[in-house]
Structures are given as C-alpha cells and as structure tokens.
Amino acid sequence: MPPATKRPVVVFGPSGTGKSTLLKRLFAEHPGEVGFSISNTTRSPRPGEAHGRDYHFVTREEFVAAVERGEFIEHAEFSGNMYGTTVRAVRDVAEAGKTCILDIDVQGVRSVKATDLGARFVFVAPPSMEELERRLRGRGTDSEDSVMKRLQIAQGELEYGNQPGACDIKIVNDDVDRAYKALEQFVFGC
C-alpha cells in the first residue's frame, strides 16, 4: 500500500458544509502535492467548462459502456445525468506524484470502500442542521424546492457520516481556519 500521503483521500459531506472552500484552499496552498481526478459526466458543459479540464463530457452510451467494462471506481446518477470517477483518472493523479482528492457523495463513498485503492475518508459536517439551512439559503442560488431537497439529502448523509467506520476523520466546519488545518494535517500528516 502506498504511503498515507499518496493514498487517495475521499472528502464527503452535505452540500453547504464548506467542502469546496476547504478544497480550494488545499489546492491553492499545495498545488504540486494534490490533484483532482477528472470525472466523467453525461451532462452538457456549463459556460466556461472545458472537456478534459473540468470533466470528461461523454454520451450516455459511452458512459454505460465504460460501466460495463468495469472502468469506474464509483458512479451515480443525479438529476438525470451520470457522473463517475474512473480508475484511470485516479491513477493519472498518482502517476503525476500527487495525492488524489475525491469529492464525492455517500453513494460514491460506499463504492470506493469496496475497492482496493486504500483510500482515506474525510467527513465534513456542518455545526448543525440549522446552520446548514442558513448557508444553503444564503447562497441565493437554489429554489425553495431545491433547498428542501438538499436538506433532506443532507440528513441521510449526516446519518451515514456519523456511523462508526464511515470515515477516518470527521471535521465539523464551524470555523474555516480550524477545519482547514484539520484537513491539511490529515492529508499530509503535518
């Protein structure tokens, strides 16, 4: 098994917990040491997104064929689109000498746990459901239905993340600097 700093790190937690904020800082402060695997998706590119940089944009048929060939370590369907991480994408990051960071949902976490990648798992949690709701509403980007759906999904993710053995470390993001230091220490052992 590779040393801890080269084993993939899976970061998961409900939408609105600050995972993206923490990961952006990690990548900014350690650009040569960490890398994201580039996921495949069947959705169309959004403005500014590029194939091979943000996602590998593929057809549903191409995606399904790759699933059938066993190329994915995790894949899921969300809002009518398929998303997944291939073994090749994780290897590409490791071969570049970096620790691969995977930002995936609970379904993906379960799939990664079933592989022999030796991944380490970080659960990022909000201080409370009330704070999570405040953050989601504060974004101002989601409809009421979308906020309610995200909160419902979050409840299940919190239940999973709080189970014994679900993660190697749980970080409650009630203070961004403290949460970041915990993530950095876990990833690099510093």
N, C-alpha and C. Protein backbone atom coordinates (compact mmCIF):
# COMPACT_ATOMS: atom_id res chain seq x y z
N MET A 1 0.85 -1.19 0.00
CA MET A 1 0.00 0.00 0.00
C MET A 1 0.89 1.24 0.00
N PRO A 2 0.50 2.27 -0.79
CA PRO A 2 1.32 3.48 -0.85
C PRO A 2 1.31 4.22 0.48
N PRO A 3 2.32 5.09 0.72
CA PRO A 3 2.32 5.86 1.95
C PRO A 3 1.05 6.69 2.08
N ALA A 4 0.69 7.04 3.30
CA ALA A 4 -0.58 7.74 3.56
C ALA A 4 -0.74 8.98 2.70
N THR A 5 0.35 9.70 2.45
CA THR A 5 0.21 10.94 1.69
C THR A 5 -0.01 10.70 0.20
N LYS A 6 0.11 9.47 -0.28
CA LYS A 6 -0.15 9.19 -1.69
C LYS A 6 -1.43 8.37 -1.88
N ARG A 7 -2.02 7.90 -0.80
CA ARG A 7 -3.29 7.20 -0.91
C ARG A 7 -4.38 8.22 -1.22
N PRO A 8 -5.34 7.86 -2.08
CA PRO A 8 -6.43 8.80 -2.37
C PRO A 8 -7.15 9.23 -1.10
N VAL A 9 -7.61 10.47 -1.10
CA VAL A 9 -8.38 10.99 0.03
C VAL A 9 -9.78 11.34 -0.50
N VAL A 10 -10.78 10.74 0.11
CA VAL A 10 -12.17 10.97 -0.25
C VAL A 10 -12.77 11.97 0.73
N VAL A 11 -13.27 13.08 0.21
CA VAL A 11 -13.91 14.10 1.04
C VAL A 11 -15.39 14.07 0.72
N PHE A 12 -16.21 13.89 1.76
CA PHE A 12 -17.65 13.86 1.53
C PHE A 12 -18.38 14.58 2.66
N GLY A 13 -19.60 14.94 2.38
CA GLY A 13 -20.44 15.65 3.34
C GLY A 13 -21.53 16.39 2.60
N PRO A 14 -22.53 16.84 3.32
CA PRO A 14 -23.65 17.52 2.68
C PRO A 14 -23.26 18.79 1.94
N SER A 15 -24.02 19.11 0.92
CA SER A 15 -23.88 20.37 0.21
C SER A 15 -24.06 21.51 1.21
N GLY A 16 -23.18 22.49 1.19
CA GLY A 16 -23.28 23.63 2.10
C GLY A 16 -22.40 23.53 3.33
N THR A 17 -21.62 22.45 3.44
CA THR A 17 -20.76 22.31 4.62
C THR A 17 -19.42 23.03 4.46
N GLY A 18 -19.12 23.47 3.23
CA GLY A 18 -17.86 24.17 3.01
C GLY A 18 -16.76 23.30 2.43
N LYS A 19 -17.12 22.13 1.90
CA LYS A 19 -16.12 21.26 1.30
C LYS A 19 -15.34 21.99 0.20
N SER A 20 -16.05 22.66 -0.68
CA SER A 20 -15.39 23.36 -1.80
C SER A 20 -14.43 24.42 -1.30
N THR A 21 -14.83 25.16 -0.29
CA THR A 21 -13.97 26.20 0.28
C THR A 21 -12.69 25.58 0.83
N LEU A 22 -12.83 24.49 1.57
CA LEU A 22 -11.66 23.83 2.15
C LEU A 22 -10.75 23.27 1.06
N LEU A 23 -11.35 22.65 0.05
CA LEU A 23 -10.55 22.04 -1.00
C LEU A 23 -9.87 23.09 -1.88
N LYS A 24 -10.54 24.20 -2.15
CA LYS A 24 -9.90 25.27 -2.93
C LYS A 24 -8.66 25.77 -2.21
N ARG A 25 -8.74 25.92 -0.91
CA ARG A 25 -7.59 26.39 -0.13
C ARG A 25 -6.47 25.34 -0.14
N LEU A 26 -6.84 24.07 0.01
CA LEU A 26 -5.85 23.00 -0.01
C LEU A 26 -5.09 23.00 -1.34
N PHE A 27 -5.83 23.13 -2.44
CA PHE A 27 -5.20 23.15 -3.76
C PHE A 27 -4.37 24.40 -3.98
N ALA A 28 -4.82 25.52 -3.44
CA ALA A 28 -4.07 26.77 -3.59
C ALA A 28 -2.75 26.72 -2.81
N GLU A 29 -2.77 26.13 -1.63
CA GLU A 29 -1.58 26.09 -0.78
C GLU A 29 -0.64 24.92 -1.08
N HIS A 30 -1.17 23.90 -1.77
CA HIS A 30 -0.36 22.70 -2.07
C HIS A 30 -0.56 22.25 -3.52
N PRO A 31 -0.37 23.14 -4.50
CA PRO A 31 -0.70 22.80 -5.89
C PRO A 31 0.10 21.65 -6.48
N GLY A 32 1.32 21.46 -6.05
CA GLY A 32 2.13 20.38 -6.59
C GLY A 32 1.99 19.07 -5.86
N GLU A 33 1.18 19.07 -4.80
CA GLU A 33 1.08 17.88 -3.96
C GLU A 33 -0.26 17.17 -4.03
N VAL A 34 -1.29 17.87 -4.47
CA VAL A 34 -2.62 17.27 -4.56
C VAL A 34 -3.20 17.50 -5.95
N GLY A 35 -4.12 16.61 -6.32
CA GLY A 35 -4.78 16.76 -7.61
C GLY A 35 -6.16 16.13 -7.57
N PHE A 36 -7.05 16.70 -8.35
CA PHE A 36 -8.39 16.13 -8.50
C PHE A 36 -8.34 15.15 -9.66
N SER A 37 -9.06 14.06 -9.51
CA SER A 37 -9.28 13.21 -10.67
C SER A 37 -10.35 13.92 -11.50
N ILE A 38 -10.28 13.78 -12.78
CA ILE A 38 -11.29 14.40 -13.64
C ILE A 38 -12.39 13.38 -13.88
N SER A 39 -13.58 13.71 -13.42
CA SER A 39 -14.71 12.80 -13.52
C SER A 39 -15.31 12.81 -14.91
N ASN A 40 -16.03 11.74 -15.22
CA ASN A 40 -16.82 11.66 -16.44
C ASN A 40 -18.24 12.07 -16.11
N THR A 41 -18.93 12.70 -17.05
CA THR A 41 -20.34 13.03 -16.87
C THR A 41 -21.06 13.01 -18.21
N THR A 42 -22.35 12.74 -18.14
CA THR A 42 -23.18 12.78 -19.34
C THR A 42 -23.87 14.12 -19.51
N ARG A 43 -23.71 15.02 -18.54
CA ARG A 43 -24.35 16.33 -18.69
C ARG A 43 -23.58 17.19 -19.66
N SER A 44 -24.23 18.22 -20.15
CA SER A 44 -23.59 19.16 -21.08
C SER A 44 -22.68 20.10 -20.31
N PRO A 45 -21.62 20.58 -20.97
CA PRO A 45 -20.73 21.54 -20.30
C PRO A 45 -21.47 22.83 -19.97
N ARG A 46 -21.16 23.41 -18.83
CA ARG A 46 -21.68 24.73 -18.46
C ARG A 46 -20.74 25.78 -19.04
N PRO A 47 -21.19 27.01 -19.13
CA PRO A 47 -20.32 28.06 -19.67
C PRO A 47 -18.98 28.10 -18.92
N GLY A 48 -17.90 28.11 -19.68
CA GLY A 48 -16.57 28.18 -19.10
C GLY A 48 -15.94 26.83 -18.81
N GLU A 49 -16.72 25.75 -18.83
CA GLU A 49 -16.16 24.43 -18.58
C GLU A 49 -15.53 23.87 -19.85
N ALA A 50 -14.45 23.10 -19.66
CA ALA A 50 -13.75 22.51 -20.80
C ALA A 50 -13.60 21.01 -20.61
N HIS A 51 -13.75 20.28 -21.72
CA HIS A 51 -13.56 18.83 -21.71
C HIS A 51 -12.11 18.53 -21.34
N GLY A 52 -11.93 17.59 -20.42
CA GLY A 52 -10.59 17.20 -20.01
C GLY A 52 -10.00 18.06 -18.91
N ARG A 53 -10.64 19.18 -18.60
CA ARG A 53 -10.19 20.03 -17.50
C ARG A 53 -11.18 19.97 -16.35
N ASP A 54 -12.45 20.21 -16.63
CA ASP A 54 -13.48 20.19 -15.60
C ASP A 54 -14.12 18.81 -15.48
N TYR A 55 -14.42 18.21 -16.61
CA TYR A 55 -15.00 16.87 -16.71
C TYR A 55 -14.57 16.28 -18.04
N HIS A 56 -14.75 14.97 -18.13
CA HIS A 56 -14.73 14.30 -19.43
C HIS A 56 -16.21 14.20 -19.80
N PHE A 57 -16.66 15.00 -20.76
CA PHE A 57 -18.06 15.02 -21.17
C PHE A 57 -18.27 13.91 -22.20
N VAL A 58 -19.11 12.94 -21.85
CA VAL A 58 -19.34 11.78 -22.71
C VAL A 58 -20.83 11.56 -22.90
N THR A 59 -21.17 10.75 -23.89
CA THR A 59 -22.57 10.41 -24.11
C THR A 59 -23.01 9.37 -23.08
N ARG A 60 -24.28 9.23 -22.90
CA ARG A 60 -24.81 8.20 -22.00
C ARG A 60 -24.35 6.82 -22.46
N GLU A 61 -24.34 6.59 -23.76
CA GLU A 61 -23.93 5.29 -24.29
C GLU A 61 -22.46 5.01 -23.96
N GLU A 62 -21.60 6.01 -24.11
CA GLU A 62 -20.19 5.84 -23.78
C GLU A 62 -20.02 5.57 -22.29
N PHE A 63 -20.79 6.27 -21.46
CA PHE A 63 -20.70 6.11 -20.01
C PHE A 63 -21.12 4.69 -19.62
N VAL A 64 -22.26 4.26 -20.13
CA VAL A 64 -22.78 2.92 -19.79
C VAL A 64 -21.80 1.84 -20.23
N ALA A 65 -21.21 2.00 -21.42
CA ALA A 65 -20.24 1.02 -21.89
C ALA A 65 -19.03 0.95 -20.96
N ALA A 66 -18.57 2.11 -20.47
CA ALA A 66 -17.43 2.13 -19.54
C ALA A 66 -17.80 1.46 -18.22
N VAL A 67 -19.04 1.65 -17.76
CA VAL A 67 -19.51 0.97 -16.54
C VAL A 67 -19.45 -0.54 -16.76
N GLU A 68 -19.96 -0.97 -17.90
CA GLU A 68 -19.99 -2.41 -18.21
C GLU A 68 -18.59 -3.00 -18.30
N ARG A 69 -17.62 -2.20 -18.71
CA ARG A 69 -16.22 -2.67 -18.77
C ARG A 69 -15.53 -2.61 -17.41
N GLY A 70 -16.22 -2.09 -16.39
CA GLY A 70 -15.66 -2.02 -15.04
C GLY A 70 -14.62 -0.94 -14.87
N GLU A 71 -14.73 0.15 -15.63
CA GLU A 71 -13.72 1.21 -15.59
C GLU A 71 -13.89 2.18 -14.42
N PHE A 72 -15.05 2.17 -13.77
CA PHE A 72 -15.32 3.15 -12.72
C PHE A 72 -15.07 2.59 -11.33
N ILE A 73 -14.53 3.46 -10.45
CA ILE A 73 -14.45 3.09 -9.04
C ILE A 73 -15.71 3.54 -8.32
N GLU A 74 -16.38 4.51 -8.89
CA GLU A 74 -17.68 4.96 -8.37
C GLU A 74 -18.41 5.66 -9.49
N HIS A 75 -19.72 5.52 -9.47
CA HIS A 75 -20.55 6.25 -10.42
C HIS A 75 -21.95 6.35 -9.85
N ALA A 76 -22.65 7.39 -10.26
CA ALA A 76 -24.00 7.62 -9.76
C ALA A 76 -24.77 8.44 -10.77
N GLU A 77 -26.08 8.41 -10.64
CA GLU A 77 -26.92 9.25 -11.47
C GLU A 77 -27.57 10.28 -10.56
N PHE A 78 -27.51 11.53 -10.98
CA PHE A 78 -28.07 12.62 -10.20
C PHE A 78 -28.74 13.58 -11.15
N SER A 79 -30.00 13.88 -10.89
CA SER A 79 -30.78 14.82 -11.71
C SER A 79 -30.76 14.46 -13.19
N GLY A 80 -30.82 13.17 -13.48
CA GLY A 80 -30.89 12.71 -14.86
C GLY A 80 -29.57 12.62 -15.58
N ASN A 81 -28.46 12.96 -14.91
CA ASN A 81 -27.13 12.87 -15.51
C ASN A 81 -26.28 11.88 -14.74
N MET A 82 -25.38 11.23 -15.46
CA MET A 82 -24.48 10.26 -14.84
C MET A 82 -23.13 10.92 -14.56
N TYR A 83 -22.55 10.56 -13.42
CA TYR A 83 -21.25 11.08 -13.01
C TYR A 83 -20.43 9.91 -12.51
N GLY A 84 -19.14 9.94 -12.73
CA GLY A 84 -18.32 8.86 -12.20
C GLY A 84 -16.84 9.14 -12.29
N THR A 85 -16.10 8.40 -11.48
CA THR A 85 -14.64 8.51 -11.43
C THR A 85 -14.05 7.20 -11.90
N THR A 86 -13.21 7.28 -12.89
CA THR A 86 -12.57 6.06 -13.40
C THR A 86 -11.30 5.76 -12.62
N VAL A 87 -10.94 4.49 -12.62
CA VAL A 87 -9.68 4.07 -12.02
C VAL A 87 -8.53 4.81 -12.71
N ARG A 88 -8.61 4.97 -14.02
CA ARG A 88 -7.57 5.65 -14.79
C ARG A 88 -7.39 7.09 -14.31
N ALA A 89 -8.48 7.78 -14.01
CA ALA A 89 -8.40 9.17 -13.56
C ALA A 89 -7.65 9.29 -12.24
N VAL A 90 -7.87 8.35 -11.33
CA VAL A 90 -7.16 8.35 -10.04
C VAL A 90 -5.69 8.00 -10.25
N ARG A 91 -5.44 7.03 -11.11
CA ARG A 91 -4.05 6.65 -11.40
C ARG A 91 -3.28 7.79 -12.06
N ASP A 92 -3.95 8.55 -12.92
CA ASP A 92 -3.29 9.68 -13.58
C ASP A 92 -2.75 10.67 -12.55
N VAL A 93 -3.51 10.92 -11.50
CA VAL A 93 -3.09 11.86 -10.46
C VAL A 93 -1.90 11.27 -9.69
N ALA A 94 -2.01 9.99 -9.30
CA ALA A 94 -0.93 9.34 -8.55
C ALA A 94 0.35 9.28 -9.38
N GLU A 95 0.20 9.00 -10.69
CA GLU A 95 1.38 8.92 -11.56
C GLU A 95 2.05 10.28 -11.74
N ALA A 96 1.30 11.34 -11.49
CA ALA A 96 1.87 12.69 -11.53
C ALA A 96 2.55 13.04 -10.19
N GLY A 97 2.57 12.07 -9.26
CA GLY A 97 3.23 12.26 -7.97
C GLY A 97 2.41 13.03 -6.95
N LYS A 98 1.10 13.06 -7.15
CA LYS A 98 0.23 13.82 -6.26
C LYS A 98 -0.74 12.90 -5.51
N THR A 99 -1.27 13.41 -4.41
CA THR A 99 -2.33 12.72 -3.69
C THR A 99 -3.65 13.07 -4.37
N CYS A 100 -4.38 12.05 -4.78
CA CYS A 100 -5.65 12.28 -5.45
C CYS A 100 -6.73 12.59 -4.43
N ILE A 101 -7.45 13.69 -4.66
CA ILE A 101 -8.55 14.10 -3.80
C ILE A 101 -9.85 13.81 -4.54
N LEU A 102 -10.74 13.07 -3.91
CA LEU A 102 -12.04 12.76 -4.49
C LEU A 102 -13.12 13.44 -3.66
N ASP A 103 -13.92 14.27 -4.29
CA ASP A 103 -15.03 14.97 -3.65
C ASP A 103 -16.30 14.32 -4.18
N ILE A 104 -16.86 13.36 -3.42
CA ILE A 104 -17.97 12.57 -3.92
C ILE A 104 -19.07 12.43 -2.89
N ASP A 105 -20.22 11.90 -3.32
CA ASP A 105 -21.35 11.73 -2.42
C ASP A 105 -21.25 10.40 -1.67
N VAL A 106 -22.21 10.16 -0.78
CA VAL A 106 -22.20 8.97 0.06
C VAL A 106 -22.27 7.69 -0.77
N GLN A 107 -23.06 7.70 -1.83
CA GLN A 107 -23.13 6.53 -2.70
C GLN A 107 -21.74 6.22 -3.26
N GLY A 108 -21.02 7.25 -3.67
CA GLY A 108 -19.66 7.08 -4.17
C GLY A 108 -18.71 6.59 -3.09
N VAL A 109 -18.89 7.08 -1.87
CA VAL A 109 -18.05 6.64 -0.75
C VAL A 109 -18.20 5.14 -0.57
N ARG A 110 -19.42 4.67 -0.58
CA ARG A 110 -19.65 3.22 -0.42
C ARG A 110 -18.96 2.43 -1.53
N SER A 111 -19.01 2.95 -2.75
CA SER A 111 -18.37 2.27 -3.87
C SER A 111 -16.85 2.26 -3.73
N VAL A 112 -16.27 3.38 -3.32
CA VAL A 112 -14.81 3.45 -3.16
C VAL A 112 -14.37 2.52 -2.04
N LYS A 113 -15.17 2.40 -0.99
CA LYS A 113 -14.82 1.50 0.12
C LYS A 113 -14.75 0.05 -0.35
N ALA A 114 -15.46 -0.27 -1.42
CA ALA A 114 -15.48 -1.64 -1.94
C ALA A 114 -14.29 -1.93 -2.86
N THR A 115 -13.42 -0.93 -3.11
CA THR A 115 -12.25 -1.13 -3.97
C THR A 115 -11.02 -1.43 -3.12
N ASP A 116 -9.91 -1.68 -3.81
CA ASP A 116 -8.64 -1.91 -3.12
C ASP A 116 -7.72 -0.69 -3.24
N LEU A 117 -8.29 0.49 -3.41
CA LEU A 117 -7.49 1.70 -3.57
C LEU A 117 -6.79 2.15 -2.29
N GLY A 118 -7.26 1.67 -1.15
CA GLY A 118 -6.65 2.09 0.11
C GLY A 118 -6.97 3.54 0.46
N ALA A 119 -8.11 4.01 0.00
CA ALA A 119 -8.49 5.41 0.21
C ALA A 119 -8.68 5.71 1.69
N ARG A 120 -8.49 6.99 2.00
CA ARG A 120 -8.76 7.51 3.34
C ARG A 120 -9.97 8.43 3.21
N PHE A 121 -10.79 8.51 4.27
CA PHE A 121 -12.08 9.18 4.18
C PHE A 121 -12.22 10.32 5.19
N VAL A 122 -12.64 11.49 4.67
CA VAL A 122 -12.85 12.68 5.49
C VAL A 122 -14.32 13.08 5.36
N PHE A 123 -15.01 13.13 6.48
CA PHE A 123 -16.41 13.56 6.50
C PHE A 123 -16.45 15.00 7.00
N VAL A 124 -16.96 15.92 6.16
CA VAL A 124 -17.10 17.32 6.55
C VAL A 124 -18.56 17.56 6.92
N ALA A 125 -18.77 17.98 8.16
CA ALA A 125 -20.13 18.16 8.68
C ALA A 125 -20.38 19.61 9.07
N PRO A 126 -21.63 20.02 9.01
CA PRO A 126 -21.97 21.36 9.47
C PRO A 126 -22.07 21.36 10.99
N PRO A 127 -22.01 22.54 11.62
CA PRO A 127 -22.16 22.60 13.08
C PRO A 127 -23.55 22.14 13.52
N SER A 128 -24.56 22.37 12.67
CA SER A 128 -25.93 21.97 12.99
C SER A 128 -26.75 22.00 11.70
N MET A 129 -27.91 21.37 11.73
CA MET A 129 -28.81 21.42 10.57
C MET A 129 -29.32 22.84 10.36
N GLU A 130 -29.50 23.59 11.44
CA GLU A 130 -29.96 24.98 11.31
C GLU A 130 -28.92 25.83 10.58
N GLU A 131 -27.66 25.63 10.92
CA GLU A 131 -26.59 26.37 10.25
C GLU A 131 -26.48 25.95 8.79
N LEU A 132 -26.65 24.66 8.52
CA LEU A 132 -26.60 24.19 7.14
C LEU A 132 -27.72 24.83 6.32
N GLU A 133 -28.92 24.88 6.88
CA GLU A 133 -30.03 25.52 6.17
C GLU A 133 -29.74 27.00 5.93
N ARG A 134 -29.17 27.68 6.92
CA ARG A 134 -28.83 29.09 6.76
C ARG A 134 -27.83 29.28 5.62
N ARG A 135 -26.83 28.41 5.56
CA ARG A 135 -25.81 28.50 4.50
C ARG A 135 -26.43 28.26 3.12
N LEU A 136 -27.26 27.23 3.03
CA LEU A 136 -27.88 26.92 1.73
C LEU A 136 -28.77 28.06 1.25
N ARG A 137 -29.54 28.61 2.17
CA ARG A 137 -30.41 29.73 1.78
C ARG A 137 -29.59 30.99 1.47
N GLY A 138 -28.48 31.16 2.18
CA GLY A 138 -27.63 32.32 1.99
C GLY A 138 -26.95 32.37 0.64
N ARG A 139 -26.82 31.22 0.00
CA ARG A 139 -26.23 31.19 -1.34
C ARG A 139 -27.08 31.97 -2.34
N GLY A 140 -28.40 31.86 -2.15
CA GLY A 140 -29.32 32.53 -3.05
C GLY A 140 -29.34 31.96 -4.45
N THR A 141 -28.88 30.72 -4.60
CA THR A 141 -28.81 30.12 -5.94
C THR A 141 -29.84 29.02 -6.15
N ASP A 142 -30.50 28.59 -5.08
CA ASP A 142 -31.43 27.46 -5.19
C ASP A 142 -32.86 27.87 -4.92
N SER A 143 -33.77 27.20 -5.59
CA SER A 143 -35.19 27.41 -5.33
C SER A 143 -35.53 26.81 -3.96
N GLU A 144 -36.70 27.12 -3.46
CA GLU A 144 -37.15 26.56 -2.18
C GLU A 144 -37.18 25.03 -2.26
N ASP A 145 -37.70 24.51 -3.37
CA ASP A 145 -37.74 23.05 -3.54
C ASP A 145 -36.34 22.45 -3.49
N SER A 146 -35.40 23.11 -4.15
CA SER A 146 -34.02 22.62 -4.18
C SER A 146 -33.39 22.65 -2.79
N VAL A 147 -33.62 23.72 -2.04
CA VAL A 147 -33.09 23.81 -0.67
C VAL A 147 -33.67 22.68 0.18
N MET A 148 -34.96 22.46 0.07
CA MET A 148 -35.59 21.41 0.88
C MET A 148 -35.06 20.03 0.49
N LYS A 149 -34.85 19.80 -0.81
CA LYS A 149 -34.30 18.53 -1.26
C LYS A 149 -32.88 18.34 -0.73
N ARG A 150 -32.07 19.40 -0.79
CA ARG A 150 -30.69 19.32 -0.29
C ARG A 150 -30.66 19.03 1.21
N LEU A 151 -31.59 19.63 1.95
CA LEU A 151 -31.65 19.37 3.40
C LEU A 151 -32.06 17.93 3.69
N GLN A 152 -32.98 17.42 2.90
CA GLN A 152 -33.41 16.02 3.07
C GLN A 152 -32.24 15.07 2.78
N ILE A 153 -31.52 15.32 1.70
CA ILE A 153 -30.36 14.51 1.35
C ILE A 153 -29.30 14.63 2.45
N ALA A 154 -29.11 15.85 2.95
CA ALA A 154 -28.11 16.10 4.00
C ALA A 154 -28.38 15.26 5.24
N GLN A 155 -29.63 15.10 5.60
CA GLN A 155 -29.96 14.31 6.78
C GLN A 155 -29.44 12.88 6.64
N GLY A 156 -29.64 12.29 5.48
CA GLY A 156 -29.13 10.94 5.24
C GLY A 156 -27.61 10.89 5.23
N GLU A 157 -26.98 11.92 4.64
CA GLU A 157 -25.52 11.97 4.61
C GLU A 157 -24.94 12.11 6.01
N LEU A 158 -25.60 12.92 6.86
CA LEU A 158 -25.14 13.07 8.24
C LEU A 158 -25.28 11.76 9.00
N GLU A 159 -26.38 11.08 8.79
CA GLU A 159 -26.57 9.78 9.46
C GLU A 159 -25.48 8.80 9.05
N TYR A 160 -25.17 8.76 7.75
CA TYR A 160 -24.11 7.86 7.28
C TYR A 160 -22.75 8.28 7.85
N GLY A 161 -22.41 9.56 7.71
CA GLY A 161 -21.10 10.05 8.14
C GLY A 161 -20.84 9.89 9.62
N ASN A 162 -21.89 9.85 10.41
CA ASN A 162 -21.73 9.71 11.86
C ASN A 162 -21.68 8.25 12.32
N GLN A 163 -21.84 7.31 11.41
CA GLN A 163 -21.75 5.89 11.77
C GLN A 163 -20.30 5.51 12.04
N PRO A 164 -20.08 4.62 13.00
CA PRO A 164 -18.71 4.15 13.24
C PRO A 164 -18.14 3.51 11.96
N GLY A 165 -16.90 3.87 11.63
CA GLY A 165 -16.23 3.30 10.47
C GLY A 165 -16.55 3.97 9.14
N ALA A 166 -17.44 4.96 9.14
CA ALA A 166 -17.79 5.63 7.88
C ALA A 166 -16.65 6.49 7.36
N CYS A 167 -15.84 7.01 8.29
CA CYS A 167 -14.75 7.89 7.89
C CYS A 167 -13.56 7.70 8.82
N ASP A 168 -12.42 8.19 8.37
CA ASP A 168 -11.21 8.17 9.20
C ASP A 168 -11.16 9.39 10.10
N ILE A 169 -11.76 10.49 9.63
CA ILE A 169 -11.80 11.72 10.41
C ILE A 169 -13.07 12.48 10.07
N LYS A 170 -13.68 13.05 11.10
CA LYS A 170 -14.85 13.92 10.92
C LYS A 170 -14.41 15.33 11.26
N ILE A 171 -14.68 16.25 10.34
CA ILE A 171 -14.34 17.65 10.57
C ILE A 171 -15.64 18.45 10.60
N VAL A 172 -15.94 19.04 11.75
CA VAL A 172 -17.10 19.92 11.85
C VAL A 172 -16.64 21.30 11.42
N ASN A 173 -17.20 21.79 10.33
CA ASN A 173 -16.76 23.06 9.78
C ASN A 173 -17.54 24.21 10.42
N ASP A 174 -17.15 24.53 11.66
CA ASP A 174 -17.74 25.67 12.35
C ASP A 174 -16.79 26.86 12.35
N ASP A 175 -15.54 26.62 11.94
CA ASP A 175 -14.53 27.65 11.80
C ASP A 175 -13.64 27.23 10.64
N VAL A 176 -13.65 28.00 9.56
CA VAL A 176 -12.95 27.59 8.33
C VAL A 176 -11.46 27.36 8.57
N ASP A 177 -10.80 28.23 9.31
CA ASP A 177 -9.36 28.06 9.54
C ASP A 177 -9.06 26.78 10.31
N ARG A 178 -9.82 26.53 11.35
CA ARG A 178 -9.62 25.32 12.16
C ARG A 178 -9.93 24.07 11.33
N ALA A 179 -11.03 24.12 10.55
CA ALA A 179 -11.40 22.98 9.71
C ALA A 179 -10.32 22.72 8.65
N TYR A 180 -9.80 23.80 8.07
CA TYR A 180 -8.75 23.64 7.07
C TYR A 180 -7.50 23.00 7.67
N LYS A 181 -7.09 23.46 8.82
CA LYS A 181 -5.89 22.90 9.46
C LYS A 181 -6.07 21.41 9.73
N ALA A 182 -7.27 21.01 10.15
CA ALA A 182 -7.55 19.59 10.40
C ALA A 182 -7.45 18.79 9.09
N LEU A 183 -7.98 19.35 8.01
CA LEU A 183 -7.91 18.67 6.72
C LEU A 183 -6.46 18.57 6.24
N GLU A 184 -5.75 19.66 6.32
CA GLU A 184 -4.35 19.69 5.89
C GLU A 184 -3.51 18.67 6.68
N GLN A 185 -3.72 18.63 7.98
CA GLN A 185 -2.97 17.70 8.82
C GLN A 185 -3.30 16.27 8.45
N PHE A 186 -4.56 15.98 8.18
CA PHE A 186 -4.97 14.63 7.81
C PHE A 186 -4.34 14.21 6.47
N VAL A 187 -4.40 15.11 5.49
CA VAL A 187 -3.90 14.78 4.16
C VAL A 187 -2.38 14.60 4.16
N PHE A 188 -1.66 15.48 4.84
CA PHE A 188 -0.21 15.49 4.78
C PHE A 188 0.50 15.00 6.05
N GLY A 189 -0.27 14.79 7.11
CA GLY A 189 0.34 14.35 8.36
C GLY A 189 1.24 15.40 8.98
N CYS A 190 0.96 16.69 8.68
CA CYS A 190 1.81 17.77 9.22
C CYS A 190 1.17 18.44 10.41
